[in-house]
Amino acid sequence: MADKRKRKPGIETLAVHAGAAPDPHTGARQTPIYQTTSYVFDDADHAASLFNLQLPGFIYSR
């Protein structure tokens, strides 16, 4: 079995990481994905009703 430390990255790996440099502050190799969203409310009263659980709907995601 070949030593993985000596193996060169394949074309798929090179394509995924092309142009990416580690973030100087965090050391992250790739841009993170954020699996979150925000929701639009009709108006302030609609938002208040949702946050007070008076109406069913989406108010928070993470």
PDB file of N, CA and C in Angstrom:
ATOM      1  N   MET A   1       0.846  -1.178   0.000  1.00  0.00           N
ATOM      2  CA  MET A   1       0.000   0.000   0.000  1.00  0.00           C
ATOM      3  C   MET A   1       0.888   1.236   0.000  1.00  0.00           C
ATOM      4  N   ALA A   2       0.580   2.170  -0.848  1.00  0.00           N
ATOM      5  CA  ALA A   2       1.387   3.385  -0.970  1.00  0.00           C
ATOM      6  C   ALA A   2       1.209   4.278   0.251  1.00  0.00           C
ATOM      7  N   ASP A   3       2.266   4.952   0.603  1.00  0.00           N
ATOM      8  CA  ASP A   3       2.224   5.900   1.711  1.00  0.00           C
ATOM      9  C   ASP A   3       1.401   7.112   1.274  1.00  0.00           C
ATOM     10  N   LYS A   4       0.282   7.366   1.949  1.00  0.00           N
ATOM     11  CA  LYS A   4      -0.618   8.453   1.553  1.00  0.00           C
ATOM     12  C   LYS A   4       0.042   9.825   1.643  1.00  0.00           C
ATOM     13  N   ARG A   5       1.030   9.975   2.481  1.00  0.00           N
ATOM     14  CA  ARG A   5       1.702  11.271   2.605  1.00  0.00           C
ATOM     15  C   ARG A   5       2.509  11.603   1.361  1.00  0.00           C
ATOM     16  N   LYS A   6       2.904  10.605   0.595  1.00  0.00           N
ATOM     17  CA  LYS A   6       3.723  10.827  -0.593  1.00  0.00           C
ATOM     18  C   LYS A   6       2.890  10.871  -1.869  1.00  0.00           C
ATOM     19  N   ARG A   7       1.623  10.494  -1.787  1.00  0.00           N
ATOM     20  CA  ARG A   7       0.763  10.439  -2.960  1.00  0.00           C
ATOM     21  C   ARG A   7       0.355  11.841  -3.397  1.00  0.00           C
ATOM     22  N   LYS A   8       0.384  12.098  -4.690  1.00  0.00           N
ATOM     23  CA  LYS A   8      -0.036  13.396  -5.212  1.00  0.00           C
ATOM     24  C   LYS A   8      -1.557  13.439  -5.276  1.00  0.00           C
ATOM     25  N   PRO A   9      -2.151  14.626  -5.052  1.00  0.00           N
ATOM     26  CA  PRO A   9      -3.612  14.730  -5.134  1.00  0.00           C
ATOM     27  C   PRO A   9      -4.102  14.483  -6.561  1.00  0.00           C
ATOM     28  N   GLY A  10      -5.271  13.868  -6.679  1.00  0.00           N
ATOM     29  CA  GLY A  10      -5.871  13.593  -7.982  1.00  0.00           C
ATOM     30  C   GLY A  10      -6.486  14.845  -8.586  1.00  0.00           C
ATOM     31  N   ILE A  11      -6.939  14.736  -9.820  1.00  0.00           N
ATOM     32  CA  ILE A  11      -7.509  15.873 -10.533  1.00  0.00           C
ATOM     33  C   ILE A  11      -8.752  16.413  -9.830  1.00  0.00           C
ATOM     34  N   GLU A  12      -9.564  15.537  -9.229  1.00  0.00           N
ATOM     35  CA  GLU A  12     -10.771  15.991  -8.528  1.00  0.00           C
ATOM     36  C   GLU A  12     -10.401  16.852  -7.325  1.00  0.00           C
ATOM     37  N   THR A  13      -9.428  16.408  -6.561  1.00  0.00           N
ATOM     38  CA  THR A  13      -8.979  17.168  -5.394  1.00  0.00           C
ATOM     39  C   THR A  13      -8.388  18.497  -5.818  1.00  0.00           C
ATOM     40  N   LEU A  14      -7.591  18.482  -6.858  1.00  0.00           N
ATOM     41  CA  LEU A  14      -6.998  19.727  -7.350  1.00  0.00           C
ATOM     42  C   LEU A  14      -8.075  20.700  -7.817  1.00  0.00           C
ATOM     43  N   ALA A  15      -9.111  20.187  -8.483  1.00  0.00           N
ATOM     44  CA  ALA A  15     -10.189  21.045  -8.969  1.00  0.00           C
ATOM     45  C   ALA A  15     -10.969  21.671  -7.818  1.00  0.00           C
ATOM     46  N   VAL A  16     -11.246  20.890  -6.785  1.00  0.00           N
ATOM     47  CA  VAL A  16     -12.005  21.397  -5.641  1.00  0.00           C
ATOM     48  C   VAL A  16     -11.230  22.476  -4.896  1.00  0.00           C
ATOM     49  N   HIS A  17      -9.931  22.313  -4.782  1.00  0.00           N
ATOM     50  CA  HIS A  17      -9.119  23.225  -3.989  1.00  0.00           C
ATOM     51  C   HIS A  17      -8.392  24.279  -4.819  1.00  0.00           C
ATOM     52  N   ALA A  18      -8.653  24.342  -6.114  1.00  0.00           N
ATOM     53  CA  ALA A  18      -7.944  25.279  -6.990  1.00  0.00           C
ATOM     54  C   ALA A  18      -8.142  26.720  -6.536  1.00  0.00           C
ATOM     55  N   GLY A  19      -7.071  27.429  -6.417  1.00  0.00           N
ATOM     56  CA  GLY A  19      -7.128  28.844  -6.069  1.00  0.00           C
ATOM     57  C   GLY A  19      -7.369  29.138  -4.606  1.00  0.00           C
ATOM     58  N   ALA A  20      -7.559  28.132  -3.798  1.00  0.00           N
ATOM     59  CA  ALA A  20      -7.841  28.352  -2.381  1.00  0.00           C
ATOM     60  C   ALA A  20      -6.540  28.375  -1.593  1.00  0.00           C
ATOM     61  N   ALA A  21      -6.415  29.378  -0.775  1.00  0.00           N
ATOM     62  CA  ALA A  21      -5.273  29.472   0.136  1.00  0.00           C
ATOM     63  C   ALA A  21      -5.821  29.446   1.558  1.00  0.00           C
ATOM     64  N   PRO A  22      -5.088  28.892   2.497  1.00  0.00           N
ATOM     65  CA  PRO A  22      -5.578  28.877   3.876  1.00  0.00           C
ATOM     66  C   PRO A  22      -5.841  30.289   4.389  1.00  0.00           C
ATOM     67  N   ASP A  23      -6.925  30.442   5.139  1.00  0.00           N
ATOM     68  CA  ASP A  23      -7.243  31.726   5.741  1.00  0.00           C
ATOM     69  C   ASP A  23      -6.138  32.082   6.725  1.00  0.00           C
ATOM     70  N   PRO A  24      -5.568  33.292   6.638  1.00  0.00           N
ATOM     71  CA  PRO A  24      -4.447  33.633   7.512  1.00  0.00           C
ATOM     72  C   PRO A  24      -4.815  33.706   8.996  1.00  0.00           C
ATOM     73  N   HIS A  25      -6.093  33.917   9.299  1.00  0.00           N
ATOM     74  CA  HIS A  25      -6.493  34.049  10.704  1.00  0.00           C
ATOM     75  C   HIS A  25      -6.935  32.729  11.324  1.00  0.00           C
ATOM     76  N   THR A  26      -7.646  31.903  10.534  1.00  0.00           N
ATOM     77  CA  THR A  26      -8.189  30.667  11.097  1.00  0.00           C
ATOM     78  C   THR A  26      -7.475  29.416  10.620  1.00  0.00           C
ATOM     79  N   GLY A  27      -6.771  29.522   9.492  1.00  0.00           N
ATOM     80  CA  GLY A  27      -6.126  28.350   8.922  1.00  0.00           C
ATOM     81  C   GLY A  27      -7.072  27.466   8.133  1.00  0.00           C
ATOM     82  N   ALA A  28      -8.338  27.901   7.968  1.00  0.00           N
ATOM     83  CA  ALA A  28      -9.308  27.106   7.215  1.00  0.00           C
ATOM     84  C   ALA A  28      -8.853  26.976   5.767  1.00  0.00           C
ATOM     85  N   ARG A  29      -8.877  25.785   5.247  1.00  0.00           N
ATOM     86  CA  ARG A  29      -8.429  25.522   3.881  1.00  0.00           C
ATOM     87  C   ARG A  29      -9.493  25.919   2.863  1.00  0.00           C
ATOM     88  N   GLN A  30     -10.761  25.743   3.192  1.00  0.00           N
ATOM     89  CA  GLN A  30     -11.858  26.039   2.272  1.00  0.00           C
ATOM     90  C   GLN A  30     -12.829  27.024   2.913  1.00  0.00           C
ATOM     91  N   THR A  31     -13.599  27.693   2.081  1.00  0.00           N
ATOM     92  CA  THR A  31     -14.659  28.565   2.568  1.00  0.00           C
ATOM     93  C   THR A  31     -15.723  27.696   3.226  1.00  0.00           C
ATOM     94  N   PRO A  32     -16.149  28.038   4.441  1.00  0.00           N
ATOM     95  CA  PRO A  32     -17.153  27.211   5.106  1.00  0.00           C
ATOM     96  C   PRO A  32     -18.517  27.353   4.442  1.00  0.00           C
ATOM     97  N   ILE A  33     -19.348  26.338   4.619  1.00  0.00           N
ATOM     98  CA  ILE A  33     -20.730  26.444   4.172  1.00  0.00           C
ATOM     99  C   ILE A  33     -21.571  26.804   5.393  1.00  0.00           C
ATOM    100  N   TYR A  34     -22.572  27.587   5.174  1.00  0.00           N
ATOM    101  CA  TYR A  34     -23.466  27.991   6.252  1.00  0.00           C
ATOM    102  C   TYR A  34     -24.839  27.411   5.960  1.00  0.00           C
ATOM    103  N   GLN A  35     -25.237  26.405   6.702  1.00  0.00           N
ATOM    104  CA  GLN A  35     -26.533  25.775   6.506  1.00  0.00           C
ATOM    105  C   GLN A  35     -27.556  26.459   7.401  1.00  0.00           C
ATOM    106  N   THR A  36     -27.898  27.661   7.019  1.00  0.00           N
ATOM    107  CA  THR A  36     -28.833  28.471   7.773  1.00  0.00           C
ATOM    108  C   THR A  36     -29.575  29.363   6.799  1.00  0.00           C
ATOM    109  N   THR A  37     -30.585  30.026   7.250  1.00  0.00           N
ATOM    110  CA  THR A  37     -31.332  30.947   6.399  1.00  0.00           C
ATOM    111  C   THR A  37     -31.967  32.020   7.262  1.00  0.00           C
ATOM    112  N   SER A  38     -32.617  32.955   6.627  1.00  0.00           N
ATOM    113  CA  SER A  38     -33.398  33.967   7.334  1.00  0.00           C
ATOM    114  C   SER A  38     -34.800  33.950   6.745  1.00  0.00           C
ATOM    115  N   TYR A  39     -35.741  34.481   7.465  1.00  0.00           N
ATOM    116  CA  TYR A  39     -37.134  34.456   7.038  1.00  0.00           C
ATOM    117  C   TYR A  39     -37.657  35.877   6.886  1.00  0.00           C
ATOM    118  N   VAL A  40     -38.590  36.040   5.959  1.00  0.00           N
ATOM    119  CA  VAL A  40     -39.201  37.341   5.692  1.00  0.00           C
ATOM    120  C   VAL A  40     -40.563  37.371   6.370  1.00  0.00           C
ATOM    121  N   PHE A  41     -40.862  38.476   7.016  1.00  0.00           N
ATOM    122  CA  PHE A  41     -42.153  38.663   7.674  1.00  0.00           C
ATOM    123  C   PHE A  41     -42.953  39.706   6.903  1.00  0.00           C
ATOM    124  N   ASP A  42     -44.269  39.587   6.956  1.00  0.00           N
ATOM    125  CA  ASP A  42     -45.133  40.542   6.250  1.00  0.00           C
ATOM    126  C   ASP A  42     -44.962  41.951   6.805  1.00  0.00           C
ATOM    127  N   ASP A  43     -44.869  42.045   8.122  1.00  0.00           N
ATOM    128  CA  ASP A  43     -44.680  43.328   8.805  1.00  0.00           C
ATOM    129  C   ASP A  43     -44.286  43.029  10.252  1.00  0.00           C
ATOM    130  N   ALA A  44     -44.127  44.067  11.050  1.00  0.00           N
ATOM    131  CA  ALA A  44     -43.691  43.890  12.441  1.00  0.00           C
ATOM    132  C   ALA A  44     -44.722  43.111  13.259  1.00  0.00           C
ATOM    133  N   ASP A  45     -45.991  43.340  12.989  1.00  0.00           N
ATOM    134  CA  ASP A  45     -47.034  42.615  13.725  1.00  0.00           C
ATOM    135  C   ASP A  45     -47.002  41.118  13.404  1.00  0.00           C
ATOM    136  N   HIS A  46     -46.779  40.800  12.147  1.00  0.00           N
ATOM    137  CA  HIS A  46     -46.667  39.397  11.750  1.00  0.00           C
ATOM    138  C   HIS A  46     -45.481  38.741  12.461  1.00  0.00           C
ATOM    139  N   ALA A  47     -44.352  39.430  12.477  1.00  0.00           N
ATOM    140  CA  ALA A  47     -43.170  38.902  13.156  1.00  0.00           C
ATOM    141  C   ALA A  47     -43.444  38.705  14.642  1.00  0.00           C
ATOM    142  N   ALA A  48     -44.085  39.685  15.261  1.00  0.00           N
ATOM    143  CA  ALA A  48     -44.389  39.589  16.692  1.00  0.00           C
ATOM    144  C   ALA A  48     -45.295  38.393  16.972  1.00  0.00           C
ATOM    145  N   SER A  49     -46.281  38.169  16.116  1.00  0.00           N
ATOM    146  CA  SER A  49     -47.187  37.029  16.301  1.00  0.00           C
ATOM    147  C   SER A  49     -46.440  35.700  16.194  1.00  0.00           C
ATOM    148  N   LEU A  50     -45.491  35.634  15.282  1.00  0.00           N
ATOM    149  CA  LEU A  50     -44.705  34.407  15.146  1.00  0.00           C
ATOM    150  C   LEU A  50     -43.797  34.195  16.356  1.00  0.00           C
ATOM    151  N   PHE A  51     -43.103  35.242  16.773  1.00  0.00           N
ATOM    152  CA  PHE A  51     -42.184  35.110  17.906  1.00  0.00           C
ATOM    153  C   PHE A  51     -42.921  34.866  19.218  1.00  0.00           C
ATOM    154  N   ASN A  52     -44.161  35.328  19.313  1.00  0.00           N
ATOM    155  CA  ASN A  52     -44.972  35.069  20.509  1.00  0.00           C
ATOM    156  C   ASN A  52     -45.716  33.742  20.416  1.00  0.00           C
ATOM    157  N   LEU A  53     -45.444  33.000  19.342  1.00  0.00           N
ATOM    158  CA  LEU A  53     -46.031  31.681  19.098  1.00  0.00           C
ATOM    159  C   LEU A  53     -47.549  31.729  18.979  1.00  0.00           C
ATOM    160  N   GLN A  54     -48.072  32.867  18.534  1.00  0.00           N
ATOM    161  CA  GLN A  54     -49.510  33.001  18.306  1.00  0.00           C
ATOM    162  C   GLN A  54     -49.898  32.479  16.925  1.00  0.00           C
ATOM    163  N   LEU A  55     -48.953  32.462  16.004  1.00  0.00           N
ATOM    164  CA  LEU A  55     -49.144  31.925  14.659  1.00  0.00           C
ATOM    165  C   LEU A  55     -48.069  30.878  14.396  1.00  0.00           C
ATOM    166  N   PRO A  56     -48.419  29.825  13.658  1.00  0.00           N
ATOM    167  CA  PRO A  56     -47.376  28.872  13.273  1.00  0.00           C
ATOM    168  C   PRO A  56     -46.529  29.455  12.141  1.00  0.00           C
ATOM    169  N   GLY A  57     -45.266  29.171  12.169  1.00  0.00           N
ATOM    170  CA  GLY A  57     -44.385  29.652  11.110  1.00  0.00           C
ATOM    171  C   GLY A  57     -42.933  29.502  11.518  1.00  0.00           C
ATOM    172  N   PHE A  58     -42.076  29.892  10.610  1.00  0.00           N
ATOM    173  CA  PHE A  58     -40.636  29.762  10.833  1.00  0.00           C
ATOM    174  C   PHE A  58     -40.054  31.078  11.329  1.00  0.00           C
ATOM    175  N   ILE A  59     -39.248  30.995  12.403  1.00  0.00           N
ATOM    176  CA  ILE A  59     -38.630  32.203  12.948  1.00  0.00           C
ATOM    177  C   ILE A  59     -37.137  32.030  13.215  1.00  0.00           C
ATOM    178  N   TYR A  60     -36.664  30.797  13.218  1.00  0.00           N
ATOM    179  CA  TYR A  60     -35.278  30.562  13.606  1.00  0.00           C
ATOM    180  C   TYR A  60     -34.741  29.366  12.847  1.00  0.00           C
ATOM    181  N   SER A  61     -33.493  29.448  12.462  1.00  0.00           N
ATOM    182  CA  SER A  61     -32.864  28.329  11.769  1.00  0.00           C
ATOM    183  C   SER A  61     -31.387  28.311  12.086  1.00  0.00           C
ATOM    184  N   ARG A  62     -30.835  27.099  12.216  1.00  0.00           N
ATOM    185  CA  ARG A  62     -29.394  26.972  12.429  1.00  0.00           C
ATOM    186  C   ARG A  62     -28.966  25.604  12.043  1.00  0.00           C
TER     187      ARG A  62
END
